[in-house]
Amino acid sequence: MDLRAPKGPFFHGRKNSKIGAMRTHWFVLSTICAAVTVPVNADQTQIYEQLAIASQSGERAFSVEVVRDAAQRNRGLMFRRQMSKEHGMLFDYDPPQVVGFWMKNTYIPLDIIFIAADGRIIRIAPNTTPHSLESIPSGGPARGVLEINGGLSAKLGIKPGDRVRHRLFGAVPLTYEGEKPRSDH
């Protein structure tokens, strides 16, 4: 058994034991700080994509997080305490399918907008109840599902039949019957 003083980057013999102890303390402290340096709100580090909804009251733009895999879909907006009114989360379902959502561990009331493969809004579940385990069905095969803050659809005049423009839905014209296409899009 070796009883000599330990060697290494933090131990330099007896006369430098205070320096070694301080180095060890700072190493442990910095390691702990690095481990807990996580954003308070997950959407601060997300990459956002642009999405637009054309309604009779005009075009509405959102910056959305796009969720493409099962693990991300299962988490969704759970545990988030707030979301900016111009933000949302877009769930990608390829191929389109009948889906259902619930609000387990979701603190924010949401409008859940179910979107067909052609970009047409199938159904809107407005102001869903936080923490509810009630299933919210799509009402048909959905290529995408958009979650925005609760009540925002009604406030912005977004309704079933409106069109969503995002690369998920291909080239979707944002015009209505009787309306001329806008040249700036």
C-alpha atoms as a PDB file:
ATOM      1  CA  MET A   1       0.000   0.000   0.000  1.00  0.00           C
ATOM      2  CA  ASP A   2       1.415   3.379  -1.010  1.00  0.00           C
ATOM      3  CA  LEU A   3       1.065   6.052   1.719  1.00  0.00           C
ATOM      4  CA  ARG A   4       2.739   8.839  -0.199  1.00  0.00           C
ATOM      5  CA  ALA A   5       0.827  12.034  -0.968  1.00  0.00           C
ATOM      6  CA  PRO A   6      -1.425  11.714  -4.004  1.00  0.00           C
ATOM      7  CA  LYS A   7      -0.079  13.059  -7.285  1.00  0.00           C
ATOM      8  CA  GLY A   8      -1.979  14.645 -10.134  1.00  0.00           C
ATOM      9  CA  PRO A   9      -3.272  17.997 -11.330  1.00  0.00           C
ATOM     10  CA  PHE A  10      -4.946  18.855  -7.997  1.00  0.00           C
ATOM     11  CA  PHE A  11      -2.379  17.524  -5.552  1.00  0.00           C
ATOM     12  CA  HIS A  12       1.067  19.070  -5.274  1.00  0.00           C
ATOM     13  CA  GLY A  13       2.398  17.815  -1.996  1.00  0.00           C
ATOM     14  CA  ARG A  14       1.886  19.089   1.537  1.00  0.00           C
ATOM     15  CA  LYS A  15       3.025  22.705   1.130  1.00  0.00           C
ATOM     16  CA  ASN A  16       0.626  23.273  -1.776  1.00  0.00           C
ATOM     17  CA  SER A  17      -2.297  21.430  -0.189  1.00  0.00           C
ATOM     18  CA  LYS A  18      -4.348  24.652   0.134  1.00  0.00           C
ATOM     19  CA  ILE A  19      -3.866  25.384  -3.569  1.00  0.00           C
ATOM     20  CA  GLY A  20      -4.781  21.799  -4.410  1.00  0.00           C
ATOM     21  CA  ALA A  21      -7.894  21.994  -2.242  1.00  0.00           C
ATOM     22  CA  MET A  22      -8.916  25.270  -3.912  1.00  0.00           C
ATOM     23  CA  ARG A  23      -8.392  23.767  -7.367  1.00  0.00           C
ATOM     24  CA  THR A  24     -10.467  20.761  -6.415  1.00  0.00           C
ATOM     25  CA  HIS A  25     -13.197  23.027  -5.015  1.00  0.00           C
ATOM     26  CA  TRP A  26     -13.319  25.154  -8.192  1.00  0.00           C
ATOM     27  CA  PHE A  27     -13.242  22.070 -10.416  1.00  0.00           C
ATOM     28  CA  VAL A  28     -16.206  20.506  -8.593  1.00  0.00           C
ATOM     29  CA  LEU A  29     -18.095  23.825  -8.486  1.00  0.00           C
ATOM     30  CA  SER A  30     -17.549  24.511 -12.187  1.00  0.00           C
ATOM     31  CA  THR A  31     -18.616  20.959 -13.066  1.00  0.00           C
ATOM     32  CA  ILE A  32     -21.845  21.373 -11.094  1.00  0.00           C
ATOM     33  CA  CYS A  33     -22.532  24.761 -12.694  1.00  0.00           C
ATOM     34  CA  ALA A  34     -21.937  23.358 -16.170  1.00  0.00           C
ATOM     35  CA  ALA A  35     -24.322  20.490 -15.468  1.00  0.00           C
ATOM     36  CA  VAL A  36     -27.172  22.792 -14.439  1.00  0.00           C
ATOM     37  CA  THR A  37     -26.666  25.473 -17.076  1.00  0.00           C
ATOM     38  CA  VAL A  38     -29.794  24.612 -19.039  1.00  0.00           C
ATOM     39  CA  PRO A  39     -32.195  27.170 -20.498  1.00  0.00           C
ATOM     40  CA  VAL A  40     -35.107  27.973 -18.193  1.00  0.00           C
ATOM     41  CA  ASN A  41     -37.522  27.816 -21.119  1.00  0.00           C
ATOM     42  CA  ALA A  42     -36.852  25.210 -23.784  1.00  0.00           C
ATOM     43  CA  ASP A  43     -38.118  27.393 -26.621  1.00  0.00           C
ATOM     44  CA  GLN A  44     -35.244  29.842 -26.045  1.00  0.00           C
ATOM     45  CA  THR A  45     -32.876  27.413 -27.773  1.00  0.00           C
ATOM     46  CA  GLN A  46     -35.221  26.070 -30.451  1.00  0.00           C
ATOM     47  CA  ILE A  47     -34.874  26.712 -34.146  1.00  0.00           C
ATOM     48  CA  TYR A  48     -37.991  28.365 -35.485  1.00  0.00           C
ATOM     49  CA  GLU A  49     -39.462  28.113 -38.963  1.00  0.00           C
ATOM     50  CA  GLN A  50     -41.915  30.533 -40.528  1.00  0.00           C
ATOM     51  CA  LEU A  51     -45.554  29.551 -41.022  1.00  0.00           C
ATOM     52  CA  ALA A  52     -48.418  31.683 -42.323  1.00  0.00           C
ATOM     53  CA  ILE A  53     -52.181  31.239 -42.119  1.00  0.00           C
ATOM     54  CA  ALA A  54     -54.401  33.006 -44.643  1.00  0.00           C
ATOM     55  CA  SER A  55     -57.779  33.834 -43.168  1.00  0.00           C
ATOM     56  CA  GLN A  56     -60.543  36.141 -44.366  1.00  0.00           C
ATOM     57  CA  SER A  57     -59.175  38.780 -41.989  1.00  0.00           C
ATOM     58  CA  GLY A  58     -55.682  38.590 -43.531  1.00  0.00           C
ATOM     59  CA  GLU A  59     -52.487  36.610 -43.350  1.00  0.00           C
ATOM     60  CA  ARG A  60     -51.133  35.724 -39.896  1.00  0.00           C
ATOM     61  CA  ALA A  61     -47.473  34.801 -39.448  1.00  0.00           C
ATOM     62  CA  PHE A  62     -46.047  32.548 -36.733  1.00  0.00           C
ATOM     63  CA  SER A  63     -42.576  31.294 -35.832  1.00  0.00           C
ATOM     64  CA  VAL A  64     -42.963  27.608 -35.083  1.00  0.00           C
ATOM     65  CA  GLU A  65     -40.899  24.804 -33.623  1.00  0.00           C
ATOM     66  CA  VAL A  66     -41.290  21.787 -35.884  1.00  0.00           C
ATOM     67  CA  VAL A  67     -41.629  18.424 -34.162  1.00  0.00           C
ATOM     68  CA  ARG A  68     -40.747  15.494 -36.400  1.00  0.00           C
ATOM     69  CA  ASP A  69     -40.123  12.414 -34.250  1.00  0.00           C
ATOM     70  CA  ALA A  70     -42.132  10.399 -31.740  1.00  0.00           C
ATOM     71  CA  ALA A  71     -40.100  11.477 -28.691  1.00  0.00           C
ATOM     72  CA  GLN A  72     -40.594  15.172 -29.520  1.00  0.00           C
ATOM     73  CA  ARG A  73     -44.296  14.595 -30.290  1.00  0.00           C
ATOM     74  CA  ASN A  74     -44.795  12.886 -26.927  1.00  0.00           C
ATOM     75  CA  ARG A  75     -43.318  15.882 -25.102  1.00  0.00           C
ATOM     76  CA  GLY A  76     -44.805  18.679 -27.213  1.00  0.00           C
ATOM     77  CA  LEU A  77     -45.380  21.792 -25.098  1.00  0.00           C
ATOM     78  CA  MET A  78     -45.574  19.897 -21.803  1.00  0.00           C
ATOM     79  CA  PHE A  79     -44.073  21.645 -18.791  1.00  0.00           C
ATOM     80  CA  ARG A  80     -43.830  25.028 -20.528  1.00  0.00           C
ATOM     81  CA  ARG A  81     -45.277  27.885 -18.522  1.00  0.00           C
ATOM     82  CA  GLN A  82     -45.595  30.416 -21.346  1.00  0.00           C
ATOM     83  CA  MET A  83     -45.295  30.918 -25.076  1.00  0.00           C
ATOM     84  CA  SER A  84     -45.116  34.150 -27.067  1.00  0.00           C
ATOM     85  CA  LYS A  85     -48.271  34.938 -29.024  1.00  0.00           C
ATOM     86  CA  GLU A  86     -46.366  34.857 -32.330  1.00  0.00           C
ATOM     87  CA  HIS A  87     -44.901  31.407 -31.599  1.00  0.00           C
ATOM     88  CA  GLY A  88     -46.310  27.926 -31.927  1.00  0.00           C
ATOM     89  CA  MET A  89     -45.428  24.282 -32.329  1.00  0.00           C
ATOM     90  CA  LEU A  90     -46.042  22.362 -35.566  1.00  0.00           C
ATOM     91  CA  PHE A  91     -46.250  18.560 -35.395  1.00  0.00           C
ATOM     92  CA  ASP A  92     -45.247  16.724 -38.588  1.00  0.00           C
ATOM     93  CA  TYR A  93     -47.223  13.556 -39.422  1.00  0.00           C
ATOM     94  CA  ASP A  94     -45.897  11.862 -42.519  1.00  0.00           C
ATOM     95  CA  PRO A  95     -47.875  10.067 -43.810  1.00  0.00           C
ATOM     96  CA  PRO A  96     -51.050  11.982 -42.873  1.00  0.00           C
ATOM     97  CA  GLN A  97     -53.086  10.179 -40.232  1.00  0.00           C
ATOM     98  CA  VAL A  98     -55.989  10.516 -37.831  1.00  0.00           C
ATOM     99  CA  VAL A  99     -54.459  11.741 -34.576  1.00  0.00           C
ATOM    100  CA  GLY A 100     -55.572  12.686 -31.087  1.00  0.00           C
ATOM    101  CA  PHE A 101     -53.990  15.053 -28.593  1.00  0.00           C
ATOM    102  CA  TRP A 102     -54.308  15.554 -24.846  1.00  0.00           C
ATOM    103  CA  MET A 103     -53.118  18.202 -22.424  1.00  0.00           C
ATOM    104  CA  LYS A 104     -51.366  16.075 -19.805  1.00  0.00           C
ATOM    105  CA  ASN A 105     -48.630  18.141 -18.072  1.00  0.00           C
ATOM    106  CA  THR A 106     -49.417  21.118 -20.326  1.00  0.00           C
ATOM    107  CA  TYR A 107     -49.753  24.361 -18.366  1.00  0.00           C
ATOM    108  CA  ILE A 108     -50.787  26.658 -21.226  1.00  0.00           C
ATOM    109  CA  PRO A 109     -54.320  26.659 -22.683  1.00  0.00           C
ATOM    110  CA  LEU A 110     -53.858  25.965 -26.389  1.00  0.00           C
ATOM    111  CA  ASP A 111     -55.725  26.170 -29.673  1.00  0.00           C
ATOM    112  CA  ILE A 112     -54.940  22.920 -31.471  1.00  0.00           C
ATOM    113  CA  ILE A 113     -55.244  23.307 -35.245  1.00  0.00           C
ATOM    114  CA  PHE A 114     -55.427  20.135 -37.355  1.00  0.00           C
ATOM    115  CA  ILE A 115     -54.169  20.597 -40.939  1.00  0.00           C
ATOM    116  CA  ALA A 116     -54.682  18.371 -44.018  1.00  0.00           C
ATOM    117  CA  ALA A 117     -51.883  17.482 -46.447  1.00  0.00           C
ATOM    118  CA  ASP A 118     -52.990  20.296 -48.796  1.00  0.00           C
ATOM    119  CA  GLY A 119     -52.591  22.912 -46.033  1.00  0.00           C
ATOM    120  CA  ARG A 120     -56.319  23.315 -45.367  1.00  0.00           C
ATOM    121  CA  ILE A 121     -57.360  23.565 -41.718  1.00  0.00           C
ATOM    122  CA  ILE A 122     -59.599  20.572 -40.902  1.00  0.00           C
ATOM    123  CA  ARG A 123     -60.528  21.404 -37.327  1.00  0.00           C
ATOM    124  CA  ILE A 124     -59.660  23.746 -34.479  1.00  0.00           C
ATOM    125  CA  ALA A 125     -59.932  22.669 -30.841  1.00  0.00           C
ATOM    126  CA  PRO A 126     -60.043  26.072 -29.117  1.00  0.00           C
ATOM    127  CA  ASN A 127     -58.860  26.876 -25.599  1.00  0.00           C
ATOM    128  CA  THR A 128     -58.034  23.346 -24.571  1.00  0.00           C
ATOM    129  CA  THR A 129     -57.985  22.690 -20.831  1.00  0.00           C
ATOM    130  CA  PRO A 130     -54.516  22.417 -19.247  1.00  0.00           C
ATOM    131  CA  HIS A 131     -53.725  19.022 -17.651  1.00  0.00           C
ATOM    132  CA  SER A 132     -56.799  17.374 -19.212  1.00  0.00           C
ATOM    133  CA  LEU A 133     -56.523  13.722 -20.220  1.00  0.00           C
ATOM    134  CA  GLU A 134     -59.470  14.041 -22.608  1.00  0.00           C
ATOM    135  CA  SER A 135     -58.570  13.008 -26.152  1.00  0.00           C
ATOM    136  CA  ILE A 136     -58.868  15.762 -28.755  1.00  0.00           C
ATOM    137  CA  PRO A 137     -59.405  14.121 -32.180  1.00  0.00           C
ATOM    138  CA  SER A 138     -58.234  15.558 -35.506  1.00  0.00           C
ATOM    139  CA  GLY A 139     -61.505  14.937 -37.332  1.00  0.00           C
ATOM    140  CA  GLY A 140     -59.702  13.474 -40.350  1.00  0.00           C
ATOM    141  CA  PRO A 141     -56.225  12.595 -41.618  1.00  0.00           C
ATOM    142  CA  ALA A 142     -53.821  15.362 -40.554  1.00  0.00           C
ATOM    143  CA  ARG A 143     -50.455  16.071 -42.151  1.00  0.00           C
ATOM    144  CA  GLY A 144     -49.701  18.636 -39.467  1.00  0.00           C
ATOM    145  CA  VAL A 145     -50.995  19.880 -36.145  1.00  0.00           C
ATOM    146  CA  LEU A 146     -50.324  23.448 -35.018  1.00  0.00           C
ATOM    147  CA  GLU A 147     -50.501  24.476 -31.370  1.00  0.00           C
ATOM    148  CA  ILE A 148     -50.819  28.179 -30.583  1.00  0.00           C
ATOM    149  CA  ASN A 149     -51.909  30.049 -27.474  1.00  0.00           C
ATOM    150  CA  GLY A 150     -55.509  29.405 -26.439  1.00  0.00           C
ATOM    151  CA  GLY A 151     -58.054  31.850 -27.835  1.00  0.00           C
ATOM    152  CA  LEU A 152     -55.714  33.192 -30.499  1.00  0.00           C
ATOM    153  CA  SER A 153     -57.532  31.496 -33.394  1.00  0.00           C
ATOM    154  CA  ALA A 154     -60.791  33.277 -32.590  1.00  0.00           C
ATOM    155  CA  LYS A 155     -59.017  36.563 -31.915  1.00  0.00           C
ATOM    156  CA  LEU A 156     -57.237  36.410 -35.306  1.00  0.00           C
ATOM    157  CA  GLY A 157     -60.265  35.082 -37.198  1.00  0.00           C
ATOM    158  CA  ILE A 158     -58.657  31.722 -38.060  1.00  0.00           C
ATOM    159  CA  LYS A 159     -61.257  29.092 -39.004  1.00  0.00           C
ATOM    160  CA  PRO A 160     -61.545  25.604 -40.523  1.00  0.00           C
ATOM    161  CA  GLY A 161     -61.064  25.865 -44.285  1.00  0.00           C
ATOM    162  CA  ASP A 162     -58.346  28.531 -43.957  1.00  0.00           C
ATOM    163  CA  ARG A 163     -55.009  27.709 -45.577  1.00  0.00           C
ATOM    164  CA  VAL A 164     -51.631  27.209 -43.920  1.00  0.00           C
ATOM    165  CA  ARG A 165     -48.405  27.918 -45.764  1.00  0.00           C
ATOM    166  CA  HIS A 166     -45.342  26.030 -44.641  1.00  0.00           C
ATOM    167  CA  ARG A 167     -42.932  23.755 -46.481  1.00  0.00           C
ATOM    168  CA  LEU A 168     -44.616  20.764 -44.801  1.00  0.00           C
ATOM    169  CA  PHE A 169     -47.674  21.357 -47.000  1.00  0.00           C
ATOM    170  CA  GLY A 170     -45.869  22.120 -50.261  1.00  0.00           C
ATOM    171  CA  ALA A 171     -46.809  25.107 -52.378  1.00  0.00           C
ATOM    172  CA  VAL A 172     -50.154  26.186 -50.965  1.00  0.00           C
ATOM    173  CA  PRO A 173     -51.786  29.272 -52.499  1.00  0.00           C
ATOM    174  CA  LEU A 174     -52.914  31.695 -49.807  1.00  0.00           C
ATOM    175  CA  THR A 175     -55.977  33.045 -51.579  1.00  0.00           C
ATOM    176  CA  TYR A 176     -59.722  32.833 -51.117  1.00  0.00           C
ATOM    177  CA  GLU A 177     -62.548  32.550 -53.600  1.00  0.00           C
ATOM    178  CA  GLY A 178     -63.264  36.008 -54.965  1.00  0.00           C
ATOM    179  CA  GLU A 179     -59.922  37.366 -53.809  1.00  0.00           C
ATOM    180  CA  LYS A 180     -57.055  38.233 -56.112  1.00  0.00           C
ATOM    181  CA  PRO A 181     -53.767  36.494 -55.355  1.00  0.00           C
ATOM    182  CA  ARG A 182     -51.318  38.737 -53.494  1.00  0.00           C
ATOM    183  CA  SER A 183     -48.211  39.526 -55.511  1.00  0.00           C
ATOM    184  CA  ASP A 184     -45.968  39.781 -52.433  1.00  0.00           C
ATOM    185  CA  HIS A 185     -46.199  36.024 -51.727  1.00  0.00           C
END
